[in-house]
């Protein structure tokens, strides 16, 4: 029996996106995707109510090549001053688009509901840089959080790494990099429909009609990041975490992974969760029926969207 969209999500997305999908963009059209995805995210959050109890400060740290990376520190007003948990967050955008300006409302939403401070890393995008720069930039942001934990009121034993979509893939690769460098020790990894597998380039006819991030988009993102290595099985796990063996995954932090049934990342996320389990890593996994990529961003007021965010909040509460 063919897949169907969750009716509540479908109604919201239909009102947002219209009855006719936009014309497809050519593989490799990075600027077209930046304009389309950026405009969509701006529209998604333009009508969101203000979240006045969350404050933002901006810090900077240095990348390996000396580039100055901006870090946005979100804290809840009136939160406990005693050392507590924190989250280092890596935003999505297919490796090629979006930035902190598109993630202000999501960050404030997590912080206001959990009371946990979040550090959002402004890593550099492909193709202006290529692998491993997005991962090493994000690692530098994570290191900053650990190195400044005391002054930020953070318990370094309770720092999680979190990301969505491309940011989830980058976060997964950062856990491998931290393992290779023997630190810092990440308490938990939270991977929201992560983009993990550079070889995911074949369209699934059962899910293609529902794709909000398509195979052509995926080819564009991985191609921008990896160049002529995009189709290679020998890409290191610090560039594409989906290439990890069970041995690579041993000793990684406990994981939370969620993904929609209609998401092109479904199978690679299921496989990554399976291999984590085989490697002895605890995994909480959620597969949400009848929803595509980024469903809770498109339809945050739906029952399934609220359930997905609620499950993430519960996991973070255990930090």
C-alpha atoms as a PDB file:
ATOM      1  CA  UNK A   1       0.000   0.000   0.000  1.00  0.00           C
ATOM      2  CA  UNK A   2       1.512   3.403  -0.934  1.00  0.00           C
ATOM      3  CA  UNK A   3       2.595   5.934   1.668  1.00  0.00           C
ATOM      4  CA  UNK A   4       0.302   8.829   2.543  1.00  0.00           C
ATOM      5  CA  UNK A   5       1.002  12.145   4.220  1.00  0.00           C
ATOM      6  CA  UNK A   6      -0.251  12.686   7.752  1.00  0.00           C
ATOM      7  CA  UNK A   7      -3.521  14.589   7.066  1.00  0.00           C
ATOM      8  CA  UNK A   8      -2.887  17.326   9.626  1.00  0.00           C
ATOM      9  CA  UNK A   9       0.671  17.909   8.389  1.00  0.00           C
ATOM     10  CA  UNK A  10      -0.492  17.773   4.775  1.00  0.00           C
ATOM     11  CA  UNK A  11      -3.102  20.456   5.383  1.00  0.00           C
ATOM     12  CA  UNK A  12      -0.609  22.821   7.005  1.00  0.00           C
ATOM     13  CA  UNK A  13       2.043  22.222   4.361  1.00  0.00           C
ATOM     14  CA  UNK A  14      -0.488  22.683   1.568  1.00  0.00           C
ATOM     15  CA  UNK A  15      -1.458  26.074   2.948  1.00  0.00           C
ATOM     16  CA  UNK A  16       2.199  27.033   3.311  1.00  0.00           C
ATOM     17  CA  UNK A  17       3.603  25.715   0.037  1.00  0.00           C
ATOM     18  CA  UNK A  18       0.555  25.882  -2.239  1.00  0.00           C
ATOM     19  CA  UNK A  19      -0.981  23.181  -4.397  1.00  0.00           C
ATOM     20  CA  UNK A  20       1.746  23.218  -7.048  1.00  0.00           C
ATOM     21  CA  UNK A  21       5.365  22.488  -6.122  1.00  0.00           C
ATOM     22  CA  UNK A  22       7.965  25.001  -7.278  1.00  0.00           C
ATOM     23  CA  UNK A  23       9.870  24.091 -10.443  1.00  0.00           C
ATOM     24  CA  UNK A  24      12.818  21.788  -9.764  1.00  0.00           C
ATOM     25  CA  UNK A  25      16.290  23.279  -9.523  1.00  0.00           C
ATOM     26  CA  UNK A  26      19.177  21.809 -11.472  1.00  0.00           C
ATOM     27  CA  UNK A  27      21.691  19.655  -9.630  1.00  0.00           C
ATOM     28  CA  UNK A  28      24.521  21.966  -8.564  1.00  0.00           C
ATOM     29  CA  UNK A  29      22.394  25.138  -8.345  1.00  0.00           C
ATOM     30  CA  UNK A  30      23.552  26.221  -4.892  1.00  0.00           C
ATOM     31  CA  UNK A  31      22.410  29.830  -5.163  1.00  0.00           C
ATOM     32  CA  UNK A  32      18.929  28.820  -6.254  1.00  0.00           C
ATOM     33  CA  UNK A  33      18.610  26.563  -3.236  1.00  0.00           C
ATOM     34  CA  UNK A  34      19.946  29.225  -0.901  1.00  0.00           C
ATOM     35  CA  UNK A  35      17.305  31.644  -2.124  1.00  0.00           C
ATOM     36  CA  UNK A  36      14.470  29.109  -1.995  1.00  0.00           C
ATOM     37  CA  UNK A  37      15.288  27.447   1.339  1.00  0.00           C
ATOM     38  CA  UNK A  38      16.267  30.717   3.018  1.00  0.00           C
ATOM     39  CA  UNK A  39      13.052  32.360   1.901  1.00  0.00           C
ATOM     40  CA  UNK A  40      11.000  29.431   3.119  1.00  0.00           C
ATOM     41  CA  UNK A  41      12.623  29.420   6.559  1.00  0.00           C
ATOM     42  CA  UNK A  42      12.214  33.180   6.855  1.00  0.00           C
ATOM     43  CA  UNK A  43       8.508  32.787   6.065  1.00  0.00           C
ATOM     44  CA  UNK A  44       8.128  29.906   8.537  1.00  0.00           C
ATOM     45  CA  UNK A  45       9.324  31.927  11.505  1.00  0.00           C
ATOM     46  CA  UNK A  46       8.253  35.440  10.496  1.00  0.00           C
ATOM     47  CA  UNK A  47       4.896  35.085  12.260  1.00  0.00           C
ATOM     48  CA  UNK A  48       6.223  33.222  15.293  1.00  0.00           C
ATOM     49  CA  UNK A  49       5.486  34.919  18.614  1.00  0.00           C
ATOM     50  CA  UNK A  50       8.395  36.532  20.447  1.00  0.00           C
ATOM     51  CA  UNK A  51      10.095  34.534  23.192  1.00  0.00           C
ATOM     52  CA  UNK A  52      11.086  37.302  25.612  1.00  0.00           C
ATOM     53  CA  UNK A  53      12.553  35.159  28.408  1.00  0.00           C
ATOM     54  CA  UNK A  54      15.559  34.004  26.338  1.00  0.00           C
ATOM     55  CA  UNK A  55      18.634  36.217  25.906  1.00  0.00           C
ATOM     56  CA  UNK A  56      21.369  35.932  23.279  1.00  0.00           C
ATOM     57  CA  UNK A  57      25.046  36.836  23.454  1.00  0.00           C
ATOM     58  CA  UNK A  58      27.623  36.424  20.716  1.00  0.00           C
ATOM     59  CA  UNK A  59      31.140  35.105  21.268  1.00  0.00           C
ATOM     60  CA  UNK A  60      33.889  34.266  18.796  1.00  0.00           C
ATOM     61  CA  UNK A  61      36.498  31.556  18.529  1.00  0.00           C
ATOM     62  CA  UNK A  62      39.198  30.701  16.029  1.00  0.00           C
ATOM     63  CA  UNK A  63      39.012  27.934  13.440  1.00  0.00           C
ATOM     64  CA  UNK A  64      42.055  25.817  12.588  1.00  0.00           C
ATOM     65  CA  UNK A  65      42.925  28.204   9.748  1.00  0.00           C
ATOM     66  CA  UNK A  66      42.460  31.332  11.849  1.00  0.00           C
ATOM     67  CA  UNK A  67      38.953  32.136  10.594  1.00  0.00           C
ATOM     68  CA  UNK A  68      36.799  33.809  13.246  1.00  0.00           C
ATOM     69  CA  UNK A  69      33.712  31.718  14.046  1.00  0.00           C
ATOM     70  CA  UNK A  70      30.676  33.372  15.616  1.00  0.00           C
ATOM     71  CA  UNK A  71      28.968  31.513  18.455  1.00  0.00           C
ATOM     72  CA  UNK A  72      25.502  32.511  19.665  1.00  0.00           C
ATOM     73  CA  UNK A  73      24.805  31.753  23.316  1.00  0.00           C
ATOM     74  CA  UNK A  74      21.108  31.403  24.261  1.00  0.00           C
ATOM     75  CA  UNK A  75      20.153  31.442  27.943  1.00  0.00           C
ATOM     76  CA  UNK A  76      16.866  31.549  29.807  1.00  0.00           C
ATOM     77  CA  UNK A  77      16.405  34.530  32.079  1.00  0.00           C
ATOM     78  CA  UNK A  78      16.158  33.559  35.713  1.00  0.00           C
ATOM     79  CA  UNK A  79      17.663  30.105  35.164  1.00  0.00           C
ATOM     80  CA  UNK A  80      19.770  28.544  37.908  1.00  0.00           C
ATOM     81  CA  UNK A  81      23.277  29.932  38.209  1.00  0.00           C
ATOM     82  CA  UNK A  82      24.731  26.668  39.499  1.00  0.00           C
ATOM     83  CA  UNK A  83      26.678  24.612  36.918  1.00  0.00           C
ATOM     84  CA  UNK A  84      24.265  22.664  34.758  1.00  0.00           C
ATOM     85  CA  UNK A  85      23.861  21.107  31.314  1.00  0.00           C
ATOM     86  CA  UNK A  86      24.339  22.829  27.972  1.00  0.00           C
ATOM     87  CA  UNK A  87      23.876  22.001  24.289  1.00  0.00           C
ATOM     88  CA  UNK A  88      26.167  22.815  21.374  1.00  0.00           C
ATOM     89  CA  UNK A  89      23.876  23.110  18.328  1.00  0.00           C
ATOM     90  CA  UNK A  90      24.774  22.735  14.642  1.00  0.00           C
ATOM     91  CA  UNK A  91      22.144  24.145  12.269  1.00  0.00           C
ATOM     92  CA  UNK A  92      20.817  22.503   9.107  1.00  0.00           C
ATOM     93  CA  UNK A  93      20.792  23.617   5.483  1.00  0.00           C
ATOM     94  CA  UNK A  94      22.044  20.763   3.309  1.00  0.00           C
ATOM     95  CA  UNK A  95      25.703  21.770   3.844  1.00  0.00           C
ATOM     96  CA  UNK A  96      25.111  24.770   1.551  1.00  0.00           C
ATOM     97  CA  UNK A  97      22.549  27.154   3.030  1.00  0.00           C
ATOM     98  CA  UNK A  98      20.893  28.733   6.084  1.00  0.00           C
ATOM     99  CA  UNK A  99      22.567  30.288   9.085  1.00  0.00           C
ATOM    100  CA  UNK A 100      22.027  31.441  12.667  1.00  0.00           C
ATOM    101  CA  UNK A 101      19.511  34.078  11.560  1.00  0.00           C
ATOM    102  CA  UNK A 102      17.173  31.268  10.465  1.00  0.00           C
ATOM    103  CA  UNK A 103      17.518  29.398  13.775  1.00  0.00           C
ATOM    104  CA  UNK A 104      16.796  32.124  16.313  1.00  0.00           C
ATOM    105  CA  UNK A 105      13.232  30.955  17.025  1.00  0.00           C
ATOM    106  CA  UNK A 106      14.076  27.213  17.187  1.00  0.00           C
ATOM    107  CA  UNK A 107      16.937  27.916  19.615  1.00  0.00           C
ATOM    108  CA  UNK A 108      14.779  30.119  21.826  1.00  0.00           C
ATOM    109  CA  UNK A 109      12.029  27.496  21.767  1.00  0.00           C
ATOM    110  CA  UNK A 110      14.322  24.750  23.035  1.00  0.00           C
ATOM    111  CA  UNK A 111      15.830  27.021  25.673  1.00  0.00           C
ATOM    112  CA  UNK A 112      12.550  28.406  27.028  1.00  0.00           C
ATOM    113  CA  UNK A 113      11.095  24.898  27.406  1.00  0.00           C
ATOM    114  CA  UNK A 114      14.160  23.215  28.922  1.00  0.00           C
ATOM    115  CA  UNK A 115      15.995  26.013  30.713  1.00  0.00           C
ATOM    116  CA  UNK A 116      19.169  24.548  29.168  1.00  0.00           C
ATOM    117  CA  UNK A 117      21.486  27.053  27.451  1.00  0.00           C
ATOM    118  CA  UNK A 118      22.327  26.438  23.784  1.00  0.00           C
ATOM    119  CA  UNK A 119      25.444  27.473  21.862  1.00  0.00           C
ATOM    120  CA  UNK A 120      24.677  27.839  18.131  1.00  0.00           C
ATOM    121  CA  UNK A 121      27.746  27.553  15.886  1.00  0.00           C
ATOM    122  CA  UNK A 122      28.009  29.663  12.724  1.00  0.00           C
ATOM    123  CA  UNK A 123      30.108  27.199  10.728  1.00  0.00           C
ATOM    124  CA  UNK A 124      31.163  27.952   7.149  1.00  0.00           C
ATOM    125  CA  UNK A 125      29.141  26.556   4.254  1.00  0.00           C
ATOM    126  CA  UNK A 126      30.063  24.657   1.107  1.00  0.00           C
ATOM    127  CA  UNK A 127      31.069  25.256  -1.636  1.00  0.00           C
ATOM    128  CA  UNK A 128      32.961  28.336  -0.368  1.00  0.00           C
ATOM    129  CA  UNK A 129      34.726  25.805   1.858  1.00  0.00           C
ATOM    130  CA  UNK A 130      34.797  22.032   1.542  1.00  0.00           C
ATOM    131  CA  UNK A 131      35.174  19.119   3.925  1.00  0.00           C
ATOM    132  CA  UNK A 132      36.363  18.928   6.613  1.00  0.00           C
ATOM    133  CA  UNK A 133      35.858  22.652   7.363  1.00  0.00           C
ATOM    134  CA  UNK A 134      32.186  22.574   8.492  1.00  0.00           C
ATOM    135  CA  UNK A 135      33.071  19.767  10.911  1.00  0.00           C
ATOM    136  CA  UNK A 136      36.277  21.367  12.210  1.00  0.00           C
ATOM    137  CA  UNK A 137      34.502  24.725  12.614  1.00  0.00           C
ATOM    138  CA  UNK A 138      31.775  22.986  14.619  1.00  0.00           C
ATOM    139  CA  UNK A 139      34.371  21.123  16.678  1.00  0.00           C
ATOM    140  CA  UNK A 140      35.987  24.487  17.485  1.00  0.00           C
ATOM    141  CA  UNK A 141      32.608  25.725  18.741  1.00  0.00           C
ATOM    142  CA  UNK A 142      32.206  22.626  20.890  1.00  0.00           C
ATOM    143  CA  UNK A 143      35.718  23.087  22.286  1.00  0.00           C
ATOM    144  CA  UNK A 144      34.899  26.706  23.164  1.00  0.00           C
ATOM    145  CA  UNK A 145      31.915  25.546  25.208  1.00  0.00           C
ATOM    146  CA  UNK A 146      34.040  23.049  27.121  1.00  0.00           C
ATOM    147  CA  UNK A 147      36.946  25.449  27.586  1.00  0.00           C
ATOM    148  CA  UNK A 148      34.665  28.219  28.903  1.00  0.00           C
ATOM    149  CA  UNK A 149      32.276  25.986  30.840  1.00  0.00           C
ATOM    150  CA  UNK A 150      33.143  27.438  34.236  1.00  0.00           C
ATOM    151  CA  UNK A 151      32.535  31.076  33.274  1.00  0.00           C
ATOM    152  CA  UNK A 152      29.327  30.130  31.417  1.00  0.00           C
ATOM    153  CA  UNK A 153      27.933  28.219  34.389  1.00  0.00           C
ATOM    154  CA  UNK A 154      28.095  24.863  32.624  1.00  0.00           C
ATOM    155  CA  UNK A 155      28.986  21.433  33.984  1.00  0.00           C
ATOM    156  CA  UNK A 156      31.407  20.051  31.351  1.00  0.00           C
ATOM    157  CA  UNK A 157      30.259  16.514  32.112  1.00  0.00           C
ATOM    158  CA  UNK A 158      26.731  17.443  30.946  1.00  0.00           C
ATOM    159  CA  UNK A 159      27.315  18.918  27.475  1.00  0.00           C
ATOM    160  CA  UNK A 160      25.352  17.468  24.551  1.00  0.00           C
ATOM    161  CA  UNK A 161      25.953  17.922  20.837  1.00  0.00           C
ATOM    162  CA  UNK A 162      22.820  18.434  18.740  1.00  0.00           C
ATOM    163  CA  UNK A 163      21.989  19.223  15.124  1.00  0.00           C
ATOM    164  CA  UNK A 164      19.298  18.861  12.503  1.00  0.00           C
ATOM    165  CA  UNK A 165      19.544  17.698   8.878  1.00  0.00           C
ATOM    166  CA  UNK A 166      23.018  18.653   7.590  1.00  0.00           C
ATOM    167  CA  UNK A 167      23.745  19.906  11.107  1.00  0.00           C
ATOM    168  CA  UNK A 168      22.810  16.471  12.437  1.00  0.00           C
ATOM    169  CA  UNK A 169      25.267  14.911  10.009  1.00  0.00           C
ATOM    170  CA  UNK A 170      27.970  17.394  11.000  1.00  0.00           C
ATOM    171  CA  UNK A 171      27.243  16.751  14.693  1.00  0.00           C
ATOM    172  CA  UNK A 172      27.608  12.997  14.101  1.00  0.00           C
ATOM    173  CA  UNK A 173      30.963  13.587  12.396  1.00  0.00           C
ATOM    174  CA  UNK A 174      32.084  15.852  15.241  1.00  0.00           C
ATOM    175  CA  UNK A 175      31.522  12.979  17.690  1.00  0.00           C
ATOM    176  CA  UNK A 176      33.919  10.893  15.579  1.00  0.00           C
ATOM    177  CA  UNK A 177      36.443  13.740  15.493  1.00  0.00           C
ATOM    178  CA  UNK A 178      36.224  14.143  19.272  1.00  0.00           C
ATOM    179  CA  UNK A 179      36.832  10.402  19.637  1.00  0.00           C
ATOM    180  CA  UNK A 180      39.884  10.601  17.365  1.00  0.00           C
ATOM    181  CA  UNK A 181      41.233  13.579  19.315  1.00  0.00           C
ATOM    182  CA  UNK A 182      40.450  11.959  22.691  1.00  0.00           C
ATOM    183  CA  UNK A 183      38.076  14.723  23.666  1.00  0.00           C
ATOM    184  CA  UNK A 184      36.201  16.632  24.663  1.00  0.00           C
ATOM    185  CA  UNK A 185      33.897  14.018  26.169  1.00  0.00           C
ATOM    186  CA  UNK A 186      30.385  14.598  24.832  1.00  0.00           C
ATOM    187  CA  UNK A 187      27.584  13.482  27.168  1.00  0.00           C
ATOM    188  CA  UNK A 188      24.944  12.812  24.490  1.00  0.00           C
ATOM    189  CA  UNK A 189      24.396  13.292  20.764  1.00  0.00           C
ATOM    190  CA  UNK A 190      21.010  14.408  19.458  1.00  0.00           C
ATOM    191  CA  UNK A 191      20.656  13.864  15.718  1.00  0.00           C
ATOM    192  CA  UNK A 192      17.481  15.259  14.165  1.00  0.00           C
ATOM    193  CA  UNK A 193      16.806  13.624  10.770  1.00  0.00           C
ATOM    194  CA  UNK A 194      20.561  13.742  10.128  1.00  0.00           C
ATOM    195  CA  UNK A 195      22.151  13.938   6.659  1.00  0.00           C
ATOM    196  CA  UNK A 196      24.733  11.160   6.968  1.00  0.00           C
ATOM    197  CA  UNK A 197      25.260   9.273   3.728  1.00  0.00           C
ATOM    198  CA  UNK A 198      27.042  10.839   0.755  1.00  0.00           C
ATOM    199  CA  UNK A 199      25.932   7.877  -1.383  1.00  0.00           C
ATOM    200  CA  UNK A 200      22.206   8.596  -1.002  1.00  0.00           C
ATOM    201  CA  UNK A 201      21.693   9.609  -4.632  1.00  0.00           C
ATOM    202  CA  UNK A 202      18.952   7.248  -5.893  1.00  0.00           C
ATOM    203  CA  UNK A 203      15.344   8.352  -5.818  1.00  0.00           C
ATOM    204  CA  UNK A 204      12.785   6.208  -3.970  1.00  0.00           C
ATOM    205  CA  UNK A 205       9.563   6.392  -6.005  1.00  0.00           C
ATOM    206  CA  UNK A 206       7.469   5.733  -2.889  1.00  0.00           C
ATOM    207  CA  UNK A 207       8.742   8.799  -1.019  1.00  0.00           C
ATOM    208  CA  UNK A 208       9.790  11.125  -3.859  1.00  0.00           C
ATOM    209  CA  UNK A 209       6.325  12.758  -4.204  1.00  0.00           C
ATOM    210  CA  UNK A 210       6.562  13.958  -0.585  1.00  0.00           C
ATOM    211  CA  UNK A 211      10.175  15.161  -0.582  1.00  0.00           C
ATOM    212  CA  UNK A 212      10.873  18.557   0.943  1.00  0.00           C
ATOM    213  CA  UNK A 213      14.596  17.805   0.444  1.00  0.00           C
ATOM    214  CA  UNK A 214      15.048  15.798  -2.754  1.00  0.00           C
ATOM    215  CA  UNK A 215      17.719  13.509  -4.141  1.00  0.00           C
ATOM    216  CA  UNK A 216      18.804  16.325  -6.486  1.00  0.00           C
ATOM    217  CA  UNK A 217      19.121  18.617  -3.462  1.00  0.00           C
ATOM    218  CA  UNK A 218      21.172  15.921  -1.758  1.00  0.00           C
ATOM    219  CA  UNK A 219      23.482  15.514  -4.745  1.00  0.00           C
ATOM    220  CA  UNK A 220      23.981  19.277  -4.734  1.00  0.00           C
ATOM    221  CA  UNK A 221      24.802  19.437  -1.029  1.00  0.00           C
ATOM    222  CA  UNK A 222      27.229  16.530  -0.978  1.00  0.00           C
ATOM    223  CA  UNK A 223      28.791  17.630  -4.260  1.00  0.00           C
ATOM    224  CA  UNK A 224      29.427  21.103  -2.871  1.00  0.00           C
ATOM    225  CA  UNK A 225      30.963  19.664   0.298  1.00  0.00           C
ATOM    226  CA  UNK A 226      33.028  16.795  -1.120  1.00  0.00           C
ATOM    227  CA  UNK A 227      33.687  17.794  -4.731  1.00  0.00           C
ATOM    228  CA  UNK A 228      34.829  14.857  -6.861  1.00  0.00           C
ATOM    229  CA  UNK A 229      34.811  12.603  -3.763  1.00  0.00           C
ATOM    230  CA  UNK A 230      31.036  12.940  -3.361  1.00  0.00           C
ATOM    231  CA  UNK A 231      30.339   9.469  -4.774  1.00  0.00           C
ATOM    232  CA  UNK A 232      33.200   7.718  -3.000  1.00  0.00           C
ATOM    233  CA  UNK A 233      32.805   4.978  -0.405  1.00  0.00           C
ATOM    234  CA  UNK A 234      36.211   5.873   1.053  1.00  0.00           C
ATOM    235  CA  UNK A 235      35.188   9.280   2.426  1.00  0.00           C
ATOM    236  CA  UNK A 236      36.260   9.514   6.101  1.00  0.00           C
ATOM    237  CA  UNK A 237      33.654   9.417   8.844  1.00  0.00           C
ATOM    238  CA  UNK A 238      34.671  12.946   9.829  1.00  0.00           C
ATOM    239  CA  UNK A 239      33.316  14.084   6.447  1.00  0.00           C
ATOM    240  CA  UNK A 240      30.302  11.754   6.141  1.00  0.00           C
ATOM    241  CA  UNK A 241      29.308   9.843   9.262  1.00  0.00           C
ATOM    242  CA  UNK A 242      27.250   7.387   7.229  1.00  0.00           C
ATOM    243  CA  UNK A 243      30.520   5.779   6.110  1.00  0.00           C
ATOM    244  CA  UNK A 244      31.171   4.611   9.682  1.00  0.00           C
ATOM    245  CA  UNK A 245      31.835   0.970  10.466  1.00  0.00           C
ATOM    246  CA  UNK A 246      30.657  -0.630  13.694  1.00  0.00           C
ATOM    247  CA  UNK A 247      34.228  -0.352  14.969  1.00  0.00           C
ATOM    248  CA  UNK A 248      34.202   3.402  14.211  1.00  0.00           C
ATOM    249  CA  UNK A 249      31.064   3.784  16.310  1.00  0.00           C
ATOM    250  CA  UNK A 250      32.327   2.054  19.438  1.00  0.00           C
ATOM    251  CA  UNK A 251      32.725   4.389  22.393  1.00  0.00           C
ATOM    252  CA  UNK A 252      30.554   7.196  21.001  1.00  0.00           C
ATOM    253  CA  UNK A 253      28.095   8.983  23.318  1.00  0.00           C
ATOM    254  CA  UNK A 254      24.501   7.781  23.762  1.00  0.00           C
ATOM    255  CA  UNK A 255      22.350   8.936  20.862  1.00  0.00           C
ATOM    256  CA  UNK A 256      18.883  10.228  20.113  1.00  0.00           C
ATOM    257  CA  UNK A 257      17.799  10.047  16.460  1.00  0.00           C
ATOM    258  CA  UNK A 258      14.468  10.921  14.873  1.00  0.00           C
ATOM    259  CA  UNK A 259      13.295  11.001  11.266  1.00  0.00           C
ATOM    260  CA  UNK A 260      10.091  11.019   9.251  1.00  0.00           C
ATOM    261  CA  UNK A 261       8.897   8.012   7.286  1.00  0.00           C
ATOM    262  CA  UNK A 262       8.759  10.093   4.075  1.00  0.00           C
ATOM    263  CA  UNK A 263      12.211  11.649   4.543  1.00  0.00           C
ATOM    264  CA  UNK A 264      14.943  10.691   2.057  1.00  0.00           C
ATOM    265  CA  UNK A 265      17.235  10.289   5.093  1.00  0.00           C
ATOM    266  CA  UNK A 266      15.019   7.585   6.647  1.00  0.00           C
ATOM    267  CA  UNK A 267      17.027   4.540   5.598  1.00  0.00           C
ATOM    268  CA  UNK A 268      20.471   5.983   6.339  1.00  0.00           C
ATOM    269  CA  UNK A 269      19.257   7.093   9.777  1.00  0.00           C
ATOM    270  CA  UNK A 270      17.787   3.670  10.509  1.00  0.00           C
ATOM    271  CA  UNK A 271      21.058   2.067   9.436  1.00  0.00           C
ATOM    272  CA  UNK A 272      23.141   4.427  11.559  1.00  0.00           C
ATOM    273  CA  UNK A 273      20.975   3.648  14.593  1.00  0.00           C
ATOM    274  CA  UNK A 274      21.320  -0.087  13.901  1.00  0.00           C
ATOM    275  CA  UNK A 275      25.097   0.140  13.676  1.00  0.00           C
ATOM    276  CA  UNK A 276      25.300   2.261  16.825  1.00  0.00           C
ATOM    277  CA  UNK A 277      23.396  -0.460  18.656  1.00  0.00           C
ATOM    278  CA  UNK A 278      25.716  -3.137  17.273  1.00  0.00           C
ATOM    279  CA  UNK A 279      28.624  -1.015  18.539  1.00  0.00           C
ATOM    280  CA  UNK A 280      27.193  -1.016  22.064  1.00  0.00           C
ATOM    281  CA  UNK A 281      25.992   2.594  21.959  1.00  0.00           C
ATOM    282  CA  UNK A 282      22.598   3.300  23.511  1.00  0.00           C
ATOM    283  CA  UNK A 283      20.135   4.775  20.971  1.00  0.00           C
ATOM    284  CA  UNK A 284      16.681   6.238  21.378  1.00  0.00           C
ATOM    285  CA  UNK A 285      15.149   6.179  17.897  1.00  0.00           C
ATOM    286  CA  UNK A 286      11.858   7.636  16.659  1.00  0.00           C
ATOM    287  CA  UNK A 287      10.394   7.021  13.193  1.00  0.00           C
ATOM    288  CA  UNK A 288       7.378   9.255  12.606  1.00  0.00           C
ATOM    289  CA  UNK A 289       4.798   7.914  10.139  1.00  0.00           C
ATOM    290  CA  UNK A 290       3.459   9.932   7.233  1.00  0.00           C
ATOM    291  CA  UNK A 291       5.776  12.927   7.507  1.00  0.00           C
ATOM    292  CA  UNK A 292       8.627  14.302   5.354  1.00  0.00           C
ATOM    293  CA  UNK A 293      11.903  16.028   6.120  1.00  0.00           C
ATOM    294  CA  UNK A 294      11.645  18.922   8.602  1.00  0.00           C
ATOM    295  CA  UNK A 295       7.968  18.180   9.220  1.00  0.00           C
ATOM    296  CA  UNK A 296       7.877  19.775  12.682  1.00  0.00           C
ATOM    297  CA  UNK A 297       9.361  23.011  11.301  1.00  0.00           C
ATOM    298  CA  UNK A 298       6.716  23.189   8.575  1.00  0.00           C
ATOM    299  CA  UNK A 299       3.858  22.128  10.846  1.00  0.00           C
ATOM    300  CA  UNK A 300       4.831  22.874  14.467  1.00  0.00           C
ATOM    301  CA  UNK A 301       1.279  23.014  15.822  1.00  0.00           C
ATOM    302  CA  UNK A 302       0.279  19.554  14.579  1.00  0.00           C
ATOM    303  CA  UNK A 303      -0.030  16.632  16.975  1.00  0.00           C
ATOM    304  CA  UNK A 304       2.890  14.756  15.426  1.00  0.00           C
ATOM    305  CA  UNK A 305       5.050  17.885  15.259  1.00  0.00           C
ATOM    306  CA  UNK A 306       4.443  18.609  18.926  1.00  0.00           C
ATOM    307  CA  UNK A 307       5.072  14.963  19.821  1.00  0.00           C
ATOM    308  CA  UNK A 308       8.438  15.016  18.036  1.00  0.00           C
ATOM    309  CA  UNK A 309       9.603  18.173  19.791  1.00  0.00           C
ATOM    310  CA  UNK A 310       8.257  16.842  23.080  1.00  0.00           C
ATOM    311  CA  UNK A 311      10.307  13.671  22.769  1.00  0.00           C
ATOM    312  CA  UNK A 312      13.462  15.718  22.126  1.00  0.00           C
ATOM    313  CA  UNK A 313      12.746  17.851  25.192  1.00  0.00           C
ATOM    314  CA  UNK A 314      12.325  14.725  27.325  1.00  0.00           C
ATOM    315  CA  UNK A 315      15.659  13.369  26.135  1.00  0.00           C
ATOM    316  CA  UNK A 316      17.405  16.677  26.832  1.00  0.00           C
ATOM    317  CA  UNK A 317      15.872  16.741  30.315  1.00  0.00           C
ATOM    318  CA  UNK A 318      18.035  13.724  31.116  1.00  0.00           C
ATOM    319  CA  UNK A 319      21.269  15.649  30.540  1.00  0.00           C
END
